[in-house]
């Protein structure tokens, strides 16, 4: 990216990035509000991504999203970091501030909570089980605790779950629980925050924790039901969701940071669902 950018350009950086729906979403936002902007996907080098992202801004880029595997590694190029990004330990949104400073933020958590609220899937004091203790979990725990929910984390490697519990316990009621002990508990909402779907795998959880009224949410999204979604439907959950709503909402919050406009979620969801059929 050696040439100066002549228009308002935004991008998502990741590796791999071919599957990203972010360009579809953001370019729909620009069309919806008649903004002279363009949003592209950039497959960044795993070794030189910091230089590539810095060059993007030096050449006139206005803002960027960061996805796997760079979210936890982007801090060094940021001049300003928001509190929620610090707490999450990950950054997914960058903005050029005053034409010289790079602001680092995280909209994953607020995007996830927004989707839950829009679909009436969450209430204060709900017991929520999060399966997985990686980067996806990090981004959503703080807003759920701040909202007033009770969080339980389980993970194949229990030490990772304990680490997250210790990291976030000052923000609310959070516990870690071994997979073998899950069957003795009742959860209002079960969230799959693992990468099992990428490996065509399924999180190891007992089926008896899934009831008719248990809300099941897979943060992964695709054209068809994920393995986790199929598993939950098999055991009679009537409310099963994928991560497409979270994807749109986190994008909307990024868009608001850049443009001070909060986009229409329903129109975008309708557009994207029709596009990925």
Protein backbone atom coordinates (compact mmCIF):
# COMPACT_ATOMS: atom_id res chain seq x y z
CA UNK A 1 0.00 0.00 0.00
CA UNK A 2 2.47 2.58 -1.23
CA UNK A 3 0.11 5.04 -2.91
CA UNK A 4 -1.86 7.75 -1.14
CA UNK A 5 -5.54 7.02 -0.65
CA UNK A 6 -7.80 9.48 -2.51
CA UNK A 7 -11.11 8.67 -0.84
CA UNK A 8 -12.42 7.77 2.60
CA UNK A 9 -11.11 4.23 2.91
CA UNK A 10 -11.73 1.75 5.73
CA UNK A 11 -10.56 -1.84 6.00
CA UNK A 12 -10.62 -5.03 8.01
CA UNK A 13 -7.25 -6.69 8.64
CA UNK A 14 -6.98 -10.40 9.36
CA UNK A 15 -5.37 -13.63 8.25
CA UNK A 16 -7.19 -15.41 6.71
CA UNK A 17 -9.76 -12.81 5.70
CA UNK A 18 -11.47 -14.29 2.62
CA UNK A 19 -14.55 -15.32 4.65
CA UNK A 20 -15.19 -11.89 6.18
CA UNK A 21 -18.64 -10.37 5.79
CA UNK A 22 -17.45 -7.00 7.12
CA UNK A 23 -17.00 -5.39 3.66
CA UNK A 24 -20.58 -6.35 2.76
CA UNK A 25 -21.92 -4.88 6.00
CA UNK A 26 -19.97 -1.62 5.99
CA UNK A 27 -20.44 -0.90 2.31
CA UNK A 28 -24.17 -1.44 2.86
CA UNK A 29 -23.97 1.15 5.68
CA UNK A 30 -22.26 3.65 3.32
CA UNK A 31 -24.88 3.09 0.63
CA UNK A 32 -27.69 3.38 3.18
CA UNK A 33 -26.46 6.79 4.37
CA UNK A 34 -25.05 7.99 1.02
CA UNK A 35 -21.47 8.34 2.31
CA UNK A 36 -18.51 8.55 -0.07
CA UNK A 37 -16.55 5.75 1.57
CA UNK A 38 -15.24 2.32 0.70
CA UNK A 39 -14.41 -0.65 2.94
CA UNK A 40 -12.08 -3.46 1.88
CA UNK A 41 -10.61 -6.65 3.34
CA UNK A 42 -6.83 -6.89 3.66
CA UNK A 43 -5.04 -10.18 4.28
CA UNK A 44 -2.22 -8.96 6.53
CA UNK A 45 1.12 -10.67 7.00
CA UNK A 46 1.39 -12.55 10.28
CA UNK A 47 4.90 -11.18 10.77
CA UNK A 48 4.56 -7.60 9.51
CA UNK A 49 0.91 -6.72 10.19
CA UNK A 50 1.77 -3.82 12.52
CA UNK A 51 3.80 -2.13 9.77
CA UNK A 52 1.08 -2.79 7.19
CA UNK A 53 -1.67 -1.31 9.36
CA UNK A 54 0.48 1.71 10.25
CA UNK A 55 1.16 2.29 6.56
CA UNK A 56 -2.57 2.09 5.83
CA UNK A 57 -3.16 5.05 8.16
CA UNK A 58 -0.10 7.00 6.97
CA UNK A 59 -1.42 6.73 3.42
CA UNK A 60 -4.79 8.17 4.37
CA UNK A 61 -6.87 5.32 5.82
CA UNK A 62 -9.55 6.64 8.18
CA UNK A 63 -10.40 3.58 10.24
CA UNK A 64 -9.99 -0.17 10.45
CA UNK A 65 -11.36 -3.30 12.02
CA UNK A 66 -9.03 -5.97 13.33
CA UNK A 67 -9.92 -9.65 13.37
CA UNK A 68 -8.15 -12.94 14.07
CA UNK A 69 -5.33 -13.47 14.81
CA UNK A 70 -4.37 -9.84 15.52
CA UNK A 71 -6.87 -8.52 18.10
CA UNK A 72 -4.61 -9.08 21.09
CA UNK A 73 -1.44 -7.95 19.28
CA UNK A 74 -2.46 -4.53 17.96
CA UNK A 75 -1.85 -2.48 21.12
CA UNK A 76 1.69 -1.26 20.18
CA UNK A 77 0.48 0.97 17.30
CA UNK A 78 -2.27 2.65 19.35
CA UNK A 79 -1.73 6.11 20.85
CA UNK A 80 -5.03 6.03 22.76
CA UNK A 81 -6.75 2.89 24.10
CA UNK A 82 -10.28 2.86 25.48
CA UNK A 83 -11.04 1.36 28.87
CA UNK A 84 -13.19 -1.43 27.42
CA UNK A 85 -10.35 -2.45 25.06
CA UNK A 86 -7.93 -2.54 27.99
CA UNK A 87 -10.32 -4.67 30.03
CA UNK A 88 -10.96 -7.09 27.15
CA UNK A 89 -7.26 -7.29 26.33
CA UNK A 90 -8.18 -7.06 22.66
CA UNK A 91 -8.83 -4.39 20.02
CA UNK A 92 -11.14 -4.77 17.03
CA UNK A 93 -11.60 -1.11 15.99
CA UNK A 94 -9.05 1.56 15.06
CA UNK A 95 -9.73 5.20 14.25
CA UNK A 96 -7.43 7.94 13.04
CA UNK A 97 -7.92 10.69 15.60
CA UNK A 98 -7.02 14.35 14.88
CA UNK A 99 -5.22 13.15 11.73
CA UNK A 100 -2.24 11.83 13.72
CA UNK A 101 -3.29 9.61 16.63
CA UNK A 102 -4.59 6.05 16.38
CA UNK A 103 -7.42 5.21 18.77
CA UNK A 104 -7.89 1.54 19.73
CA UNK A 105 -11.32 0.33 20.87
CA UNK A 106 -13.30 -2.90 21.24
CA UNK A 107 -16.89 -3.14 20.02
CA UNK A 108 -17.24 -6.94 20.26
CA UNK A 109 -18.69 -6.93 23.76
CA UNK A 110 -21.14 -4.08 23.27
CA UNK A 111 -22.11 -5.55 19.89
CA UNK A 112 -22.84 -8.92 21.48
CA UNK A 113 -24.87 -7.39 24.31
CA UNK A 114 -26.79 -5.25 21.79
CA UNK A 115 -27.79 -8.35 19.84
CA UNK A 116 -28.95 -10.14 23.00
CA UNK A 117 -31.04 -7.14 24.05
CA UNK A 118 -32.58 -6.64 20.59
CA UNK A 119 -33.74 -10.26 20.60
CA UNK A 120 -34.86 -10.20 24.25
CA UNK A 121 -32.43 -13.00 25.15
CA UNK A 122 -31.03 -11.60 28.37
CA UNK A 123 -32.16 -10.26 31.73
CA UNK A 124 -30.29 -9.05 34.77
CA UNK A 125 -29.28 -11.84 37.18
CA UNK A 126 -29.48 -14.49 34.43
CA UNK A 127 -27.08 -17.41 34.84
CA UNK A 128 -24.96 -17.52 31.69
CA UNK A 129 -22.60 -20.32 30.70
CA UNK A 130 -19.72 -19.39 28.38
CA UNK A 131 -18.00 -22.34 26.73
CA UNK A 132 -14.42 -21.43 25.89
CA UNK A 133 -11.78 -19.22 27.48
CA UNK A 134 -10.10 -17.65 24.47
CA UNK A 135 -10.26 -14.25 22.79
CA UNK A 136 -13.96 -14.48 21.94
CA UNK A 137 -14.83 -14.96 25.63
CA UNK A 138 -12.57 -12.09 26.71
CA UNK A 139 -14.51 -9.64 24.58
CA UNK A 140 -17.98 -10.42 25.96
CA UNK A 141 -17.48 -11.08 29.69
CA UNK A 142 -17.14 -7.48 30.89
CA UNK A 143 -20.38 -6.11 29.32
CA UNK A 144 -22.33 -9.15 30.56
CA UNK A 145 -21.04 -8.65 34.10
CA UNK A 146 -21.68 -4.91 33.92
CA UNK A 147 -25.25 -5.64 32.79
CA UNK A 148 -25.71 -7.67 35.97
CA UNK A 149 -25.54 -11.31 34.89
CA UNK A 150 -23.92 -14.24 36.68
CA UNK A 151 -21.20 -15.73 34.49
CA UNK A 152 -19.91 -19.31 34.52
CA UNK A 153 -16.94 -20.23 32.33
CA UNK A 154 -16.01 -23.74 31.28
CA UNK A 155 -13.11 -24.85 29.12
CA UNK A 156 -11.30 -28.04 28.19
CA UNK A 157 -8.17 -26.60 29.77
CA UNK A 158 -9.59 -25.60 33.16
CA UNK A 159 -6.61 -23.38 34.04
CA UNK A 160 -7.59 -21.00 31.23
CA UNK A 161 -11.08 -20.69 32.68
CA UNK A 162 -9.58 -19.96 36.11
CA UNK A 163 -7.37 -17.27 34.57
CA UNK A 164 -10.38 -15.46 33.10
CA UNK A 165 -12.29 -15.75 36.36
CA UNK A 166 -9.43 -14.07 38.23
CA UNK A 167 -9.08 -11.39 35.54
CA UNK A 168 -12.77 -10.37 35.61
CA UNK A 169 -13.94 -11.13 39.16
CA UNK A 170 -13.59 -7.50 40.24
CA UNK A 171 -16.32 -6.56 37.74
CA UNK A 172 -19.06 -8.89 38.95
CA UNK A 173 -20.17 -12.41 39.79
CA UNK A 174 -18.06 -14.83 37.75
CA UNK A 175 -17.09 -18.44 38.42
CA UNK A 176 -15.29 -21.18 36.54
CA UNK A 177 -16.78 -24.65 36.38
CA UNK A 178 -15.40 -27.97 35.18
CA UNK A 179 -17.16 -29.62 32.25
CA UNK A 180 -17.92 -32.72 34.33
CA UNK A 181 -19.80 -30.56 36.87
CA UNK A 182 -22.05 -28.78 34.36
CA UNK A 183 -24.85 -31.33 34.63
CA UNK A 184 -25.66 -30.14 38.15
CA UNK A 185 -26.46 -26.58 37.04
CA UNK A 186 -29.23 -24.66 35.30
CA UNK A 187 -28.40 -21.90 32.82
CA UNK A 188 -30.69 -19.35 31.15
CA UNK A 189 -28.25 -18.77 28.30
CA UNK A 190 -25.45 -20.98 26.93
CA UNK A 191 -22.87 -19.33 24.68
CA UNK A 192 -20.43 -21.22 22.48
CA UNK A 193 -17.31 -19.07 22.32
CA UNK A 194 -14.99 -21.84 21.12
CA UNK A 195 -13.45 -22.30 17.68
CA UNK A 196 -14.81 -25.88 17.48
CA UNK A 197 -16.87 -25.12 14.36
CA UNK A 198 -13.76 -24.21 12.36
CA UNK A 199 -12.50 -27.76 13.04
CA UNK A 200 -15.97 -29.22 12.34
CA UNK A 201 -16.07 -30.21 16.00
CA UNK A 202 -18.51 -29.80 18.88
CA UNK A 203 -17.93 -28.36 22.39
CA UNK A 204 -17.95 -31.11 25.01
CA UNK A 205 -20.96 -30.29 27.15
CA UNK A 206 -23.61 -32.62 28.64
CA UNK A 207 -26.90 -32.60 26.76
CA UNK A 208 -28.99 -32.53 29.94
CA UNK A 209 -28.16 -28.86 30.60
CA UNK A 210 -30.13 -27.95 27.45
CA UNK A 211 -33.83 -27.56 28.16
CA UNK A 212 -36.77 -26.40 26.08
CA UNK A 213 -36.44 -22.81 27.33
CA UNK A 214 -32.62 -22.71 27.38
CA UNK A 215 -31.33 -20.02 25.02
CA UNK A 216 -28.35 -21.26 22.99
CA UNK A 217 -26.07 -18.85 21.11
CA UNK A 218 -23.14 -19.76 18.88
CA UNK A 219 -20.81 -16.82 18.29
CA UNK A 220 -19.77 -18.49 15.03
CA UNK A 221 -21.89 -17.80 11.94
CA UNK A 222 -22.32 -19.32 8.50
CA UNK A 223 -24.81 -20.13 5.79
CA UNK A 224 -26.15 -23.12 7.72
CA UNK A 225 -26.66 -24.16 11.33
CA UNK A 226 -23.40 -24.86 13.15
CA UNK A 227 -22.74 -28.19 14.86
CA UNK A 228 -23.46 -26.53 18.20
CA UNK A 229 -26.78 -25.18 16.95
CA UNK A 230 -27.78 -28.61 15.61
CA UNK A 231 -26.83 -30.17 18.95
CA UNK A 232 -28.97 -27.68 20.88
CA UNK A 233 -31.95 -28.13 18.57
CA UNK A 234 -31.61 -31.92 18.86
CA UNK A 235 -32.07 -31.59 22.61
CA UNK A 236 -35.17 -29.42 22.18
CA UNK A 237 -33.96 -25.86 22.74
CA UNK A 238 -36.51 -23.59 21.08
CA UNK A 239 -34.25 -20.53 20.96
CA UNK A 240 -31.04 -21.15 19.02
CA UNK A 241 -29.02 -18.34 17.43
CA UNK A 242 -25.79 -17.80 15.53
CA UNK A 243 -23.40 -14.85 15.64
CA UNK A 244 -24.67 -12.90 12.63
CA UNK A 245 -26.50 -10.41 14.86
CA UNK A 246 -23.38 -9.83 16.92
CA UNK A 247 -21.34 -9.34 13.74
CA UNK A 248 -23.71 -6.64 12.50
CA UNK A 249 -23.95 -4.92 15.88
CA UNK A 250 -20.20 -4.78 16.50
CA UNK A 251 -19.84 -3.37 12.97
CA UNK A 252 -22.55 -0.79 13.74
CA UNK A 253 -20.73 0.34 16.87
CA UNK A 254 -17.48 0.65 14.89
CA UNK A 255 -19.33 2.62 12.23
CA UNK A 256 -20.68 4.95 14.92
CA UNK A 257 -17.15 5.56 16.24
CA UNK A 258 -16.05 6.57 12.74
CA UNK A 259 -19.10 8.45 11.46
CA UNK A 260 -21.28 9.39 14.47
CA UNK A 261 -24.21 7.58 12.84
CA UNK A 262 -25.70 4.39 14.29
CA UNK A 263 -26.94 2.28 11.36
CA UNK A 264 -30.27 0.53 10.97
CA UNK A 265 -29.72 -3.03 12.29
CA UNK A 266 -32.93 -4.57 10.93
CA UNK A 267 -32.30 -3.38 7.36
CA UNK A 268 -28.71 -4.64 7.52
CA UNK A 269 -29.75 -8.03 8.92
CA UNK A 270 -32.33 -8.44 6.15
CA UNK A 271 -29.72 -7.50 3.52
CA UNK A 272 -27.04 -9.85 4.87
CA UNK A 273 -29.34 -12.85 5.41
CA UNK A 274 -30.46 -12.59 1.79
CA UNK A 275 -26.89 -12.21 0.57
CA UNK A 276 -25.50 -15.31 2.32
CA UNK A 277 -28.33 -17.68 1.35
